[in-house]
Amino acid sequence: MWRGFCKLTYNWITLFFSVDFGSTTDIIQTIPQDLFAEICEQIIQYLRHQISGVNTVELCQRFQTAGIEISASDLAKVVNTVSSVFSNAAKNKLSPEEFSTRLGSAAGTLPKQALQVIRHVWNEQGNSFTGSEGVNNIGMVGQLIDFQWKLGMAVASDSCRSLKCPYITMAVKVADASGHVTSKSFEMTVPQFQHFYSQFKEMASVLETV
């Protein structure tokens, strides 16, 4: 079963400029304080490279169990906005006092409870980014979440001259830079797969020299 991850995206404009919470303000207002705190905690864990992303599907299921209706796309907007706040603060190594001041001027109509949660999480864990270059290494690129393959045998085809030909089915799951997770499946002939495999071997050889 595929599991959905919201891969976090970043706006490297510093908190010296306003962070646009935009339409996410209305969404955040529907999220209970304890669940919003968990979202913030997971974002910090991602920025510290402790998890591969924020599992929006699992969070949405928990919200629904609590009687809260929220879509994965709306939750992704919240994650992307809050992660932008934390990543900018980490990049600029803001102290809790500086962070609180910048956030207060940028939050607009953000609920008071949400502001308190964001400030609290940064006060508790923001110092873990002091002197760290980890956040600076996160770029605007996608990430491979899962990769699977299986061997099959053609039993019927309009174009295949000789049936019972082996083929490889590939299934990849990728989170792009905007945070959307997509799954793609495609087939390869055995020669195509062998070429694909040789390219991976070449990459592995290069990595061994690094």
C-alpha atoms as a PDB file:
ATOM      1  CA  MET A   1       0.000   0.000   0.000  1.00  0.00           C
ATOM      2  CA  TRP A   2       1.343   3.390  -0.986  1.00  0.00           C
ATOM      3  CA  ARG A   3       1.708   5.838   1.851  1.00  0.00           C
ATOM      4  CA  GLY A   4       1.372   9.538   1.162  1.00  0.00           C
ATOM      5  CA  PHE A   5       4.077  11.911   2.177  1.00  0.00           C
ATOM      6  CA  CYS A   6       4.100  15.560   1.798  1.00  0.00           C
ATOM      7  CA  LYS A   7       7.465  16.414   0.832  1.00  0.00           C
ATOM      8  CA  LEU A   8       8.214  19.955   2.279  1.00  0.00           C
ATOM      9  CA  THR A   9       8.913  22.905  -0.038  1.00  0.00           C
ATOM     10  CA  TYR A  10      10.777  26.076   0.810  1.00  0.00           C
ATOM     11  CA  ASN A  11      10.774  29.775   0.136  1.00  0.00           C
ATOM     12  CA  TRP A  12      14.273  31.061   0.870  1.00  0.00           C
ATOM     13  CA  ILE A  13      13.119  34.649   1.313  1.00  0.00           C
ATOM     14  CA  THR A  14      14.196  35.436   4.853  1.00  0.00           C
ATOM     15  CA  LEU A  15      11.902  36.411   7.672  1.00  0.00           C
ATOM     16  CA  PHE A  16      13.096  39.985   7.274  1.00  0.00           C
ATOM     17  CA  PHE A  17      10.233  40.030   4.752  1.00  0.00           C
ATOM     18  CA  SER A  18       6.690  38.933   5.487  1.00  0.00           C
ATOM     19  CA  VAL A  19       5.708  35.299   5.221  1.00  0.00           C
ATOM     20  CA  ASP A  20       2.404  35.058   3.391  1.00  0.00           C
ATOM     21  CA  PHE A  21       0.111  32.721   5.308  1.00  0.00           C
ATOM     22  CA  GLY A  22      -2.605  33.580   2.801  1.00  0.00           C
ATOM     23  CA  SER A  23      -5.468  31.105   2.598  1.00  0.00           C
ATOM     24  CA  THR A  24      -3.760  28.773   5.060  1.00  0.00           C
ATOM     25  CA  THR A  25      -4.986  30.996   7.896  1.00  0.00           C
ATOM     26  CA  ASP A  26      -8.552  29.759   7.434  1.00  0.00           C
ATOM     27  CA  ILE A  27      -7.324  26.155   7.300  1.00  0.00           C
ATOM     28  CA  ILE A  28      -5.190  26.500  10.436  1.00  0.00           C
ATOM     29  CA  GLN A  29      -8.191  27.867  12.317  1.00  0.00           C
ATOM     30  CA  THR A  30      -9.909  24.479  11.924  1.00  0.00           C
ATOM     31  CA  ILE A  31      -6.980  22.499  13.370  1.00  0.00           C
ATOM     32  CA  PRO A  32      -6.948  21.821  17.137  1.00  0.00           C
ATOM     33  CA  GLN A  33      -3.924  23.137  18.973  1.00  0.00           C
ATOM     34  CA  ASP A  34      -2.547  19.708  19.879  1.00  0.00           C
ATOM     35  CA  LEU A  35      -2.708  18.424  16.299  1.00  0.00           C
ATOM     36  CA  PHE A  36      -1.180  21.627  14.953  1.00  0.00           C
ATOM     37  CA  ALA A  37       1.649  21.200  17.460  1.00  0.00           C
ATOM     38  CA  GLU A  38       2.251  17.685  16.124  1.00  0.00           C
ATOM     39  CA  ILE A  39       2.451  19.035  12.569  1.00  0.00           C
ATOM     40  CA  CYS A  40       5.053  21.571  13.682  1.00  0.00           C
ATOM     41  CA  GLU A  41       7.023  18.877  15.496  1.00  0.00           C
ATOM     42  CA  GLN A  42       7.082  16.685  12.388  1.00  0.00           C
ATOM     43  CA  ILE A  43       8.256  19.610  10.265  1.00  0.00           C
ATOM     44  CA  ILE A  44      11.157  20.229  12.670  1.00  0.00           C
ATOM     45  CA  GLN A  45      12.009  16.521  12.544  1.00  0.00           C
ATOM     46  CA  TYR A  46      12.093  16.691   8.757  1.00  0.00           C
ATOM     47  CA  LEU A  47      14.340  19.747   8.755  1.00  0.00           C
ATOM     48  CA  ARG A  48      16.684  17.877  11.087  1.00  0.00           C
ATOM     49  CA  HIS A  49      16.686  14.925   8.642  1.00  0.00           C
ATOM     50  CA  GLN A  50      15.044  12.615  11.177  1.00  0.00           C
ATOM     51  CA  ILE A  51      12.078  11.696   8.945  1.00  0.00           C
ATOM     52  CA  SER A  52      11.600  11.675   5.157  1.00  0.00           C
ATOM     53  CA  GLY A  53       8.546  13.921   5.143  1.00  0.00           C
ATOM     54  CA  VAL A  54       5.247  14.737   6.807  1.00  0.00           C
ATOM     55  CA  ASN A  55       2.724  11.951   6.373  1.00  0.00           C
ATOM     56  CA  THR A  56      -0.342  13.962   5.387  1.00  0.00           C
ATOM     57  CA  VAL A  57      -2.455  10.898   4.632  1.00  0.00           C
ATOM     58  CA  GLU A  58      -1.986   9.528   8.138  1.00  0.00           C
ATOM     59  CA  LEU A  59      -2.625  12.946   9.662  1.00  0.00           C
ATOM     60  CA  CYS A  60      -5.809  13.382   7.619  1.00  0.00           C
ATOM     61  CA  GLN A  61      -7.060  10.038   8.889  1.00  0.00           C
ATOM     62  CA  ARG A  62      -6.407  11.100  12.456  1.00  0.00           C
ATOM     63  CA  PHE A  63      -8.199  14.391  11.849  1.00  0.00           C
ATOM     64  CA  GLN A  64     -11.222  12.568  10.483  1.00  0.00           C
ATOM     65  CA  THR A  65     -11.222  10.281  13.523  1.00  0.00           C
ATOM     66  CA  ALA A  66     -11.337  13.418  15.663  1.00  0.00           C
ATOM     67  CA  GLY A  67     -14.271  14.703  13.595  1.00  0.00           C
ATOM     68  CA  ILE A  68     -12.258  17.281  11.654  1.00  0.00           C
ATOM     69  CA  GLU A  69     -12.751  17.454   7.908  1.00  0.00           C
ATOM     70  CA  ILE A  70      -9.574  18.515   6.110  1.00  0.00           C
ATOM     71  CA  SER A  71      -8.189  17.432   2.757  1.00  0.00           C
ATOM     72  CA  ALA A  72      -4.632  16.285   2.107  1.00  0.00           C
ATOM     73  CA  SER A  73      -4.136  19.224  -0.278  1.00  0.00           C
ATOM     74  CA  ASP A  74      -5.200  21.746   2.378  1.00  0.00           C
ATOM     75  CA  LEU A  75      -2.957  20.088   4.934  1.00  0.00           C
ATOM     76  CA  ALA A  76      -0.087  20.249   2.434  1.00  0.00           C
ATOM     77  CA  LYS A  77      -0.574  24.028   2.170  1.00  0.00           C
ATOM     78  CA  VAL A  78      -0.260  24.349   5.939  1.00  0.00           C
ATOM     79  CA  VAL A  79       2.846  22.161   6.043  1.00  0.00           C
ATOM     80  CA  ASN A  80       4.517  24.096   3.225  1.00  0.00           C
ATOM     81  CA  THR A  81       3.822  27.471   4.844  1.00  0.00           C
ATOM     82  CA  VAL A  82       4.937  26.522   8.341  1.00  0.00           C
ATOM     83  CA  SER A  83       8.016  24.729   7.022  1.00  0.00           C
ATOM     84  CA  SER A  84       8.930  27.905   5.165  1.00  0.00           C
ATOM     85  CA  VAL A  85       8.808  29.793   8.457  1.00  0.00           C
ATOM     86  CA  PHE A  86      11.014  27.289  10.272  1.00  0.00           C
ATOM     87  CA  SER A  87      13.482  26.795   7.429  1.00  0.00           C
ATOM     88  CA  ASN A  88      13.959  30.550   6.973  1.00  0.00           C
ATOM     89  CA  ALA A  89      14.462  30.976  10.702  1.00  0.00           C
ATOM     90  CA  ALA A  90      16.994  28.136  10.740  1.00  0.00           C
ATOM     91  CA  LYS A  91      18.883  29.514   7.761  1.00  0.00           C
ATOM     92  CA  ASN A  92      19.134  32.929   9.421  1.00  0.00           C
ATOM     93  CA  LYS A  93      19.894  31.384  12.853  1.00  0.00           C
ATOM     94  CA  LEU A  94      17.244  33.488  14.554  1.00  0.00           C
ATOM     95  CA  SER A  95      17.125  33.553  18.324  1.00  0.00           C
ATOM     96  CA  PRO A  96      13.760  32.899  20.024  1.00  0.00           C
ATOM     97  CA  GLU A  97      13.354  36.648  20.552  1.00  0.00           C
ATOM     98  CA  GLU A  98      14.145  37.500  16.919  1.00  0.00           C
ATOM     99  CA  PHE A  99      11.901  34.701  15.708  1.00  0.00           C
ATOM    100  CA  SER A 100       8.989  35.892  17.838  1.00  0.00           C
ATOM    101  CA  THR A 101       9.331  39.464  16.545  1.00  0.00           C
ATOM    102  CA  ARG A 102       9.545  38.455  12.887  1.00  0.00           C
ATOM    103  CA  LEU A 103       6.648  36.018  13.243  1.00  0.00           C
ATOM    104  CA  GLY A 104       4.451  38.581  14.953  1.00  0.00           C
ATOM    105  CA  SER A 105       4.890  41.046  12.094  1.00  0.00           C
ATOM    106  CA  ALA A 106       4.266  38.420   9.418  1.00  0.00           C
ATOM    107  CA  ALA A 107       1.421  36.390  10.895  1.00  0.00           C
ATOM    108  CA  GLY A 108      -1.429  38.731   9.989  1.00  0.00           C
ATOM    109  CA  THR A 109      -4.710  37.136  11.077  1.00  0.00           C
ATOM    110  CA  LEU A 110      -3.161  33.838  12.128  1.00  0.00           C
ATOM    111  CA  PRO A 111      -4.948  32.478  15.238  1.00  0.00           C
ATOM    112  CA  LYS A 112      -3.287  33.347  18.536  1.00  0.00           C
ATOM    113  CA  GLN A 113      -3.159  29.682  19.552  1.00  0.00           C
ATOM    114  CA  ALA A 114      -1.287  28.797  16.349  1.00  0.00           C
ATOM    115  CA  LEU A 115       1.216  31.587  16.949  1.00  0.00           C
ATOM    116  CA  GLN A 116       1.820  30.272  20.444  1.00  0.00           C
ATOM    117  CA  VAL A 117       2.451  26.767  19.121  1.00  0.00           C
ATOM    118  CA  ILE A 118       4.908  27.942  16.435  1.00  0.00           C
ATOM    119  CA  ARG A 119       6.788  30.083  18.942  1.00  0.00           C
ATOM    120  CA  HIS A 120       6.882  27.276  21.508  1.00  0.00           C
ATOM    121  CA  VAL A 121       8.229  24.712  19.055  1.00  0.00           C
ATOM    122  CA  TRP A 122      10.957  27.077  17.880  1.00  0.00           C
ATOM    123  CA  ASN A 123      11.851  28.070  21.464  1.00  0.00           C
ATOM    124  CA  GLU A 124      12.208  24.387  22.355  1.00  0.00           C
ATOM    125  CA  GLN A 125      14.017  23.124  19.253  1.00  0.00           C
ATOM    126  CA  GLY A 126      15.296  26.091  17.287  1.00  0.00           C
ATOM    127  CA  ASN A 127      18.665  25.978  19.045  1.00  0.00           C
ATOM    128  CA  SER A 128      19.292  22.566  17.448  1.00  0.00           C
ATOM    129  CA  PHE A 129      19.924  24.402  14.166  1.00  0.00           C
ATOM    130  CA  THR A 130      22.526  26.763  15.612  1.00  0.00           C
ATOM    131  CA  GLY A 131      25.688  26.351  13.572  1.00  0.00           C
ATOM    132  CA  SER A 132      24.054  23.591  11.524  1.00  0.00           C
ATOM    133  CA  GLU A 133      24.336  23.529   7.762  1.00  0.00           C
ATOM    134  CA  GLY A 134      21.711  20.827   7.339  1.00  0.00           C
ATOM    135  CA  VAL A 135      18.852  23.141   6.428  1.00  0.00           C
ATOM    136  CA  ASN A 136      20.979  25.015   3.905  1.00  0.00           C
ATOM    137  CA  ASN A 137      21.532  21.748   2.069  1.00  0.00           C
ATOM    138  CA  ILE A 138      17.830  21.293   1.350  1.00  0.00           C
ATOM    139  CA  GLY A 139      17.146  22.390  -2.219  1.00  0.00           C
ATOM    140  CA  MET A 140      14.150  22.947  -4.428  1.00  0.00           C
ATOM    141  CA  VAL A 141      14.256  19.431  -5.817  1.00  0.00           C
ATOM    142  CA  GLY A 142      12.065  16.383  -5.587  1.00  0.00           C
ATOM    143  CA  GLN A 143      12.753  13.191  -3.692  1.00  0.00           C
ATOM    144  CA  LEU A 144      12.308   9.521  -4.466  1.00  0.00           C
ATOM    145  CA  ILE A 145       9.967   8.064  -1.856  1.00  0.00           C
ATOM    146  CA  ASP A 146       9.660   4.483  -3.056  1.00  0.00           C
ATOM    147  CA  PHE A 147      10.918   2.288  -5.890  1.00  0.00           C
ATOM    148  CA  GLN A 148       9.626  -1.177  -6.788  1.00  0.00           C
ATOM    149  CA  TRP A 149       9.947  -3.579  -9.701  1.00  0.00           C
ATOM    150  CA  LYS A 150       8.675  -6.983 -10.721  1.00  0.00           C
ATOM    151  CA  LEU A 151       9.253  -9.445 -13.523  1.00  0.00           C
ATOM    152  CA  GLY A 152       6.281 -10.357 -15.717  1.00  0.00           C
ATOM    153  CA  MET A 153       5.491 -12.399 -18.795  1.00  0.00           C
ATOM    154  CA  ALA A 154       3.437 -11.130 -21.732  1.00  0.00           C
ATOM    155  CA  VAL A 155       0.485 -13.436 -22.423  1.00  0.00           C
ATOM    156  CA  ALA A 156      -1.547 -11.259 -24.797  1.00  0.00           C
ATOM    157  CA  SER A 157      -0.630  -8.367 -27.037  1.00  0.00           C
ATOM    158  CA  ASP A 158      -1.777  -6.751 -30.280  1.00  0.00           C
ATOM    159  CA  SER A 159       1.741  -5.741 -31.225  1.00  0.00           C
ATOM    160  CA  CYS A 160       4.029  -8.388 -29.704  1.00  0.00           C
ATOM    161  CA  ARG A 161       5.002 -10.951 -32.322  1.00  0.00           C
ATOM    162  CA  SER A 162       6.094 -13.606 -29.832  1.00  0.00           C
ATOM    163  CA  LEU A 163       4.109 -13.855 -26.639  1.00  0.00           C
ATOM    164  CA  LYS A 164       5.482 -15.145 -23.346  1.00  0.00           C
ATOM    165  CA  CYS A 165       8.163 -12.447 -23.612  1.00  0.00           C
ATOM    166  CA  PRO A 166       9.565 -11.334 -20.242  1.00  0.00           C
ATOM    167  CA  TYR A 167       9.209  -7.687 -19.240  1.00  0.00           C
ATOM    168  CA  ILE A 168       9.883  -5.546 -16.177  1.00  0.00           C
ATOM    169  CA  THR A 169       7.238  -3.409 -14.495  1.00  0.00           C
ATOM    170  CA  MET A 170       8.632  -0.422 -12.614  1.00  0.00           C
ATOM    171  CA  ALA A 171       6.708   1.550  -9.977  1.00  0.00           C
ATOM    172  CA  VAL A 172       8.135   4.764  -8.534  1.00  0.00           C
ATOM    173  CA  LYS A 173       6.752   7.191  -6.011  1.00  0.00           C
ATOM    174  CA  VAL A 174       8.162  10.712  -6.104  1.00  0.00           C
ATOM    175  CA  ALA A 175       7.573  13.860  -4.089  1.00  0.00           C
ATOM    176  CA  ASP A 176       8.205  16.902  -6.280  1.00  0.00           C
ATOM    177  CA  ALA A 177       9.488  20.287  -5.152  1.00  0.00           C
ATOM    178  CA  SER A 178       5.965  21.609  -4.558  1.00  0.00           C
ATOM    179  CA  GLY A 179       5.199  18.787  -2.172  1.00  0.00           C
ATOM    180  CA  HIS A 180       2.875  16.744  -4.387  1.00  0.00           C
ATOM    181  CA  VAL A 181       3.419  12.998  -4.285  1.00  0.00           C
ATOM    182  CA  THR A 182       2.833  11.104  -7.511  1.00  0.00           C
ATOM    183  CA  SER A 183       3.053   7.428  -8.383  1.00  0.00           C
ATOM    184  CA  LYS A 184       4.087   6.263 -11.842  1.00  0.00           C
ATOM    185  CA  SER A 185       4.222   2.775 -13.343  1.00  0.00           C
ATOM    186  CA  PHE A 186       5.836   1.790 -16.624  1.00  0.00           C
ATOM    187  CA  GLU A 187       7.132  -1.280 -18.417  1.00  0.00           C
ATOM    188  CA  MET A 188      10.597  -1.990 -19.770  1.00  0.00           C
ATOM    189  CA  THR A 189      11.941  -4.725 -21.975  1.00  0.00           C
ATOM    190  CA  VAL A 190      14.742  -6.841 -20.560  1.00  0.00           C
ATOM    191  CA  PRO A 191      17.403  -5.020 -22.682  1.00  0.00           C
ATOM    192  CA  GLN A 192      16.027  -1.650 -21.497  1.00  0.00           C
ATOM    193  CA  PHE A 193      16.165  -2.803 -17.886  1.00  0.00           C
ATOM    194  CA  GLN A 194      19.713  -4.078 -18.326  1.00  0.00           C
ATOM    195  CA  HIS A 195      20.756  -0.672 -19.648  1.00  0.00           C
ATOM    196  CA  PHE A 196      18.954   0.974 -16.727  1.00  0.00           C
ATOM    197  CA  TYR A 197      20.781  -1.333 -14.317  1.00  0.00           C
ATOM    198  CA  SER A 198      24.160  -0.560 -15.873  1.00  0.00           C
ATOM    199  CA  GLN A 199      23.567   3.158 -15.312  1.00  0.00           C
ATOM    200  CA  PHE A 200      22.899   2.514 -11.617  1.00  0.00           C
ATOM    201  CA  LYS A 201      26.091   0.472 -11.379  1.00  0.00           C
ATOM    202  CA  GLU A 202      27.982   3.358 -12.937  1.00  0.00           C
ATOM    203  CA  MET A 203      26.521   5.776 -10.395  1.00  0.00           C
ATOM    204  CA  ALA A 204      27.433   3.407  -7.537  1.00  0.00           C
ATOM    205  CA  SER A 205      31.015   3.209  -8.809  1.00  0.00           C
ATOM    206  CA  VAL A 206      31.286   6.981  -8.903  1.00  0.00           C
ATOM    207  CA  LEU A 207      29.892   7.291  -5.363  1.00  0.00           C
ATOM    208  CA  GLU A 208      32.537   4.877  -4.073  1.00  0.00           C
ATOM    209  CA  THR A 209      35.218   7.339  -5.175  1.00  0.00           C
ATOM    210  CA  VAL A 210      33.678  10.272  -3.302  1.00  0.00           C
END
